[in-house]
């Protein structure tokens, strides 16, 4: 199993990581069965298109942490960017914000995701790996160097503005191909005709950054 403390750096370096989707109510035996079949870097929970329950997420994150694998959560909507800190208090290491296309969302997400001085996340003395005895300042520094923030680009607007949307603190860009295709179909005069063309443009725009593009 990979060293989770280096997962953010592995992602920034473009290394391949294994992400396995699990339901929010996955049992310990379910997670153990997944791990018995091979290495896993992240358990992925989709709350955008699935149920969300804070108690279930807290239980899942605690169990996954005991097994040595962190959790990534896709939140419900970009308007919830201000709630990232609240999600993180439940124990995930990584959060994915879907449908990102505005700078305001990006700034809100970064501020809510990171502790000062990088962001404005509120200290609640809860979160992933906090049980390892770190104090407030030590944990804040650790989190800012290890928490993983992911955005999904799913519109022509997001693709065109990719370089402005990716700011310090963004680790990973993913694409929502189906929603992106909807948007391409509605914008027939856009400079892009296919999802692949959109991806190629984003790769070119972000080639000088440490952001992973998947």
Foldseek 3Di string as FASTA:
>chain_A
DDDLLCPLVCLLQQHDFAEAEDELQDDLVNVVVVVVVHDHAEYEYEVQPDPDDLVSNLVVQVSCVVVPHFYEYEDNALVCLLCQLVSQLSAGQEYEHEADQDQVSLLSNQQCQAPPPRHPHDDDCGGHPSVVDDDDVRVRVSSLSRRAYEYEHQALNCLVCVLVSDDPSHAEYEYDQVSNQVRCVVCVPRPDNHPVVSQVSNCVSCVVGSHRYD
